[in-house]
N, C-alpha and C. Protein backbone atom coordinates (compact mmCIF):
# COMPACT_ATOMS: atom_id res chain seq x y z
N MET A 1 -62.22 10.57 -64.18
CA MET A 1 -61.44 11.79 -64.26
C MET A 1 -60.96 12.17 -62.86
N THR A 2 -59.68 12.45 -62.74
CA THR A 2 -59.12 12.80 -61.43
C THR A 2 -59.11 14.32 -61.26
N THR A 3 -59.22 14.74 -60.01
CA THR A 3 -59.17 16.18 -59.73
C THR A 3 -57.71 16.60 -59.59
N PRO A 4 -57.39 17.83 -59.96
CA PRO A 4 -56.01 18.29 -59.77
C PRO A 4 -55.63 18.27 -58.29
N GLN A 5 -54.35 18.14 -58.05
CA GLN A 5 -53.87 17.99 -56.68
C GLN A 5 -54.20 19.21 -55.83
N PHE A 6 -54.13 20.40 -56.40
CA PHE A 6 -54.40 21.59 -55.60
C PHE A 6 -55.82 21.59 -55.06
N TRP A 7 -56.80 21.24 -55.88
CA TRP A 7 -58.20 21.32 -55.44
C TRP A 7 -58.58 20.16 -54.53
N SER A 8 -57.88 19.05 -54.61
CA SER A 8 -58.23 17.94 -53.73
C SER A 8 -57.59 18.10 -52.35
N THR A 9 -56.37 18.58 -52.28
CA THR A 9 -55.70 18.79 -50.99
C THR A 9 -54.92 20.10 -51.04
N PRO A 10 -55.56 21.24 -50.85
CA PRO A 10 -54.86 22.52 -51.03
C PRO A 10 -53.76 22.77 -50.00
N LEU A 11 -53.96 22.41 -48.74
CA LEU A 11 -52.92 22.65 -47.75
C LEU A 11 -51.68 21.81 -48.00
N ARG A 12 -51.90 20.59 -48.43
CA ARG A 12 -50.75 19.72 -48.74
C ARG A 12 -49.99 20.27 -49.94
N TYR A 13 -50.71 20.78 -50.95
CA TYR A 13 -50.05 21.38 -52.12
C TYR A 13 -49.27 22.62 -51.71
N LEU A 14 -49.84 23.48 -50.86
CA LEU A 14 -49.15 24.68 -50.43
C LEU A 14 -47.88 24.34 -49.64
N ARG A 15 -47.94 23.31 -48.82
CA ARG A 15 -46.75 22.86 -48.09
C ARG A 15 -45.67 22.38 -49.05
N TRP A 16 -46.07 21.60 -50.05
CA TRP A 16 -45.13 21.13 -51.06
C TRP A 16 -44.54 22.30 -51.84
N ALA A 17 -45.41 23.24 -52.23
CA ALA A 17 -44.94 24.38 -53.03
C ALA A 17 -44.00 25.28 -52.23
N SER A 18 -44.23 25.40 -50.90
CA SER A 18 -43.35 26.24 -50.10
C SER A 18 -41.93 25.67 -50.05
N HIS A 19 -41.78 24.36 -50.18
CA HIS A 19 -40.45 23.74 -50.17
C HIS A 19 -39.86 23.63 -51.57
N GLU A 20 -40.66 23.22 -52.52
CA GLU A 20 -40.14 22.91 -53.85
C GLU A 20 -40.16 24.11 -54.80
N LYS A 21 -41.18 24.95 -54.69
CA LYS A 21 -41.32 26.10 -55.59
C LYS A 21 -41.69 27.33 -54.76
N PRO A 22 -40.73 27.90 -54.05
CA PRO A 22 -41.05 29.01 -53.15
C PRO A 22 -41.55 30.26 -53.88
N ALA A 23 -41.13 30.48 -55.11
CA ALA A 23 -41.60 31.66 -55.85
C ALA A 23 -43.11 31.58 -56.08
N ILE A 24 -43.60 30.39 -56.44
CA ILE A 24 -45.04 30.22 -56.65
C ILE A 24 -45.78 30.37 -55.33
N PHE A 25 -45.25 29.80 -54.28
CA PHE A 25 -45.90 29.87 -52.97
C PHE A 25 -46.02 31.31 -52.48
N PHE A 26 -44.92 32.07 -52.52
CA PHE A 26 -44.97 33.44 -52.03
C PHE A 26 -45.77 34.34 -52.96
N ALA A 27 -45.80 34.06 -54.25
CA ALA A 27 -46.65 34.82 -55.16
C ALA A 27 -48.12 34.61 -54.81
N MET A 28 -48.48 33.39 -54.48
CA MET A 28 -49.87 33.12 -54.07
C MET A 28 -50.18 33.79 -52.73
N ALA A 29 -49.21 33.79 -51.80
CA ALA A 29 -49.42 34.40 -50.50
C ALA A 29 -49.60 35.91 -50.62
N VAL A 30 -48.75 36.56 -51.40
CA VAL A 30 -48.86 38.01 -51.58
C VAL A 30 -50.14 38.35 -52.34
N GLY A 31 -50.48 37.56 -53.34
CA GLY A 31 -51.71 37.79 -54.09
C GLY A 31 -52.96 37.62 -53.25
N ALA A 32 -52.91 36.72 -52.29
CA ALA A 32 -54.08 36.50 -51.43
C ALA A 32 -54.26 37.64 -50.43
N THR A 33 -53.19 38.35 -50.09
CA THR A 33 -53.33 39.44 -49.13
C THR A 33 -53.87 40.72 -49.77
N GLY A 34 -53.85 40.82 -51.08
CA GLY A 34 -54.33 42.02 -51.76
C GLY A 34 -55.77 42.39 -51.42
N PRO A 35 -56.74 41.50 -51.63
CA PRO A 35 -58.12 41.85 -51.30
C PRO A 35 -58.33 42.12 -49.80
N VAL A 36 -57.56 41.43 -48.96
CA VAL A 36 -57.68 41.67 -47.51
C VAL A 36 -57.20 43.07 -47.18
N MET A 37 -56.08 43.49 -47.76
CA MET A 37 -55.54 44.82 -47.50
C MET A 37 -56.45 45.92 -48.03
N LEU A 38 -57.17 45.65 -49.10
CA LEU A 38 -58.09 46.64 -49.65
C LEU A 38 -59.15 47.03 -48.63
N VAL A 39 -59.55 46.09 -47.81
CA VAL A 39 -60.57 46.35 -46.79
C VAL A 39 -59.95 46.78 -45.47
N ALA A 40 -58.79 46.24 -45.12
CA ALA A 40 -58.22 46.45 -43.79
C ALA A 40 -57.37 47.70 -43.65
N LEU A 41 -56.70 48.16 -44.69
CA LEU A 41 -55.75 49.25 -44.53
C LEU A 41 -56.36 50.63 -44.27
N PRO A 42 -57.46 51.05 -44.91
CA PRO A 42 -57.97 52.40 -44.62
C PRO A 42 -58.30 52.65 -43.15
N PRO A 43 -58.98 51.75 -42.44
CA PRO A 43 -59.20 52.02 -41.01
C PRO A 43 -57.91 52.04 -40.20
N ILE A 44 -56.94 51.22 -40.56
CA ILE A 44 -55.66 51.22 -39.84
C ILE A 44 -54.93 52.54 -40.06
N ARG A 45 -54.95 53.05 -41.30
CA ARG A 45 -54.32 54.34 -41.58
C ARG A 45 -54.96 55.45 -40.76
N ARG A 46 -56.28 55.50 -40.71
CA ARG A 46 -56.97 56.54 -39.96
C ARG A 46 -56.70 56.41 -38.46
N PHE A 47 -56.55 55.20 -37.96
CA PHE A 47 -56.25 54.99 -36.55
C PHE A 47 -54.90 55.61 -36.17
N PHE A 48 -53.92 55.52 -37.07
CA PHE A 48 -52.60 56.06 -36.80
C PHE A 48 -52.47 57.54 -37.18
N GLY A 49 -53.55 58.17 -37.62
CA GLY A 49 -53.55 59.61 -37.87
C GLY A 49 -53.24 60.03 -39.29
N ASP A 50 -53.15 59.12 -40.21
CA ASP A 50 -52.89 59.47 -41.60
C ASP A 50 -54.20 59.94 -42.22
N VAL A 51 -54.19 61.13 -42.80
CA VAL A 51 -55.41 61.66 -43.41
C VAL A 51 -55.23 61.72 -44.92
N ASP A 52 -56.32 61.71 -45.64
CA ASP A 52 -56.27 61.82 -47.09
C ASP A 52 -55.89 63.25 -47.46
N PRO A 53 -55.03 63.45 -48.46
CA PRO A 53 -54.64 64.81 -48.86
C PRO A 53 -55.80 65.54 -49.53
N GLU A 54 -55.66 66.88 -49.57
CA GLU A 54 -56.67 67.67 -50.28
C GLU A 54 -56.62 67.33 -51.76
N PRO A 55 -57.76 67.39 -52.44
CA PRO A 55 -57.73 67.09 -53.87
C PRO A 55 -56.92 68.14 -54.64
N ILE A 56 -56.28 67.71 -55.69
CA ILE A 56 -55.48 68.61 -56.51
C ILE A 56 -56.43 69.51 -57.30
N PRO A 57 -56.19 70.84 -57.32
CA PRO A 57 -57.08 71.72 -58.08
C PRO A 57 -57.00 71.43 -59.57
N LEU A 58 -58.13 71.46 -60.21
CA LEU A 58 -58.18 71.16 -61.64
C LEU A 58 -58.11 72.41 -62.50
N THR A 59 -58.24 73.61 -61.90
CA THR A 59 -58.15 74.86 -62.65
C THR A 59 -57.18 75.79 -61.94
N TYR A 60 -56.65 76.74 -62.67
CA TYR A 60 -55.76 77.73 -62.09
C TYR A 60 -56.62 78.83 -61.47
N PRO A 61 -56.30 79.29 -60.26
CA PRO A 61 -57.13 80.33 -59.66
C PRO A 61 -56.98 81.66 -60.41
N ILE A 62 -58.09 82.31 -60.70
CA ILE A 62 -58.09 83.58 -61.42
C ILE A 62 -58.00 84.70 -60.39
N PRO A 63 -56.94 85.53 -60.48
CA PRO A 63 -56.82 86.61 -59.50
C PRO A 63 -57.89 87.68 -59.71
N LYS A 64 -58.25 88.36 -58.62
CA LYS A 64 -59.26 89.42 -58.71
C LYS A 64 -58.57 90.74 -59.03
N GLY A 65 -59.24 91.62 -59.73
CA GLY A 65 -58.70 92.94 -60.06
C GLY A 65 -57.94 92.92 -61.38
N PRO A 66 -57.38 94.08 -61.74
CA PRO A 66 -56.66 94.16 -63.02
C PRO A 66 -55.32 93.42 -62.95
N ARG A 67 -54.87 93.02 -64.11
CA ARG A 67 -53.60 92.28 -64.20
C ARG A 67 -52.45 93.26 -64.03
N VAL A 68 -51.49 92.89 -63.20
CA VAL A 68 -50.31 93.71 -62.99
C VAL A 68 -49.27 93.32 -64.02
N ILE A 69 -48.85 94.30 -64.83
CA ILE A 69 -47.87 94.05 -65.88
C ILE A 69 -46.48 94.31 -65.30
N PRO A 70 -45.55 93.35 -65.40
CA PRO A 70 -44.21 93.57 -64.85
C PRO A 70 -43.49 94.70 -65.56
N GLN A 71 -42.69 95.44 -64.82
CA GLN A 71 -41.93 96.56 -65.36
C GLN A 71 -40.44 96.22 -65.38
N GLY A 72 -39.72 96.81 -66.31
CA GLY A 72 -38.27 96.67 -66.34
C GLY A 72 -37.76 95.52 -67.19
N TYR A 73 -38.61 94.84 -67.92
CA TYR A 73 -38.16 93.73 -68.78
C TYR A 73 -38.27 94.07 -70.26
N ASP A 74 -38.48 95.32 -70.59
CA ASP A 74 -38.63 95.71 -72.01
C ASP A 74 -37.28 95.76 -72.69
N ASP A 75 -37.24 95.42 -73.99
CA ASP A 75 -36.01 95.54 -74.77
C ASP A 75 -35.78 97.00 -75.10
N GLU A 76 -34.52 97.44 -75.07
CA GLU A 76 -34.24 98.84 -75.37
C GLU A 76 -33.42 98.96 -76.63
């Protein structure tokens, strides 16, 4: 049983794919950077001063005191 070409010589396959099938090659390159960026980007963002935004409030703030009823909108 022979091994597939990619697993026996991966660099040679990537070189061939970059010339013959560039869409596959660049898809593999972009896909390989995903896990690296997951670890590398947060410290880089903080270094350049980007901060995480405040969390979005999940409830509406309840005002203190009695409710003010608007005037002047009654039907006449």
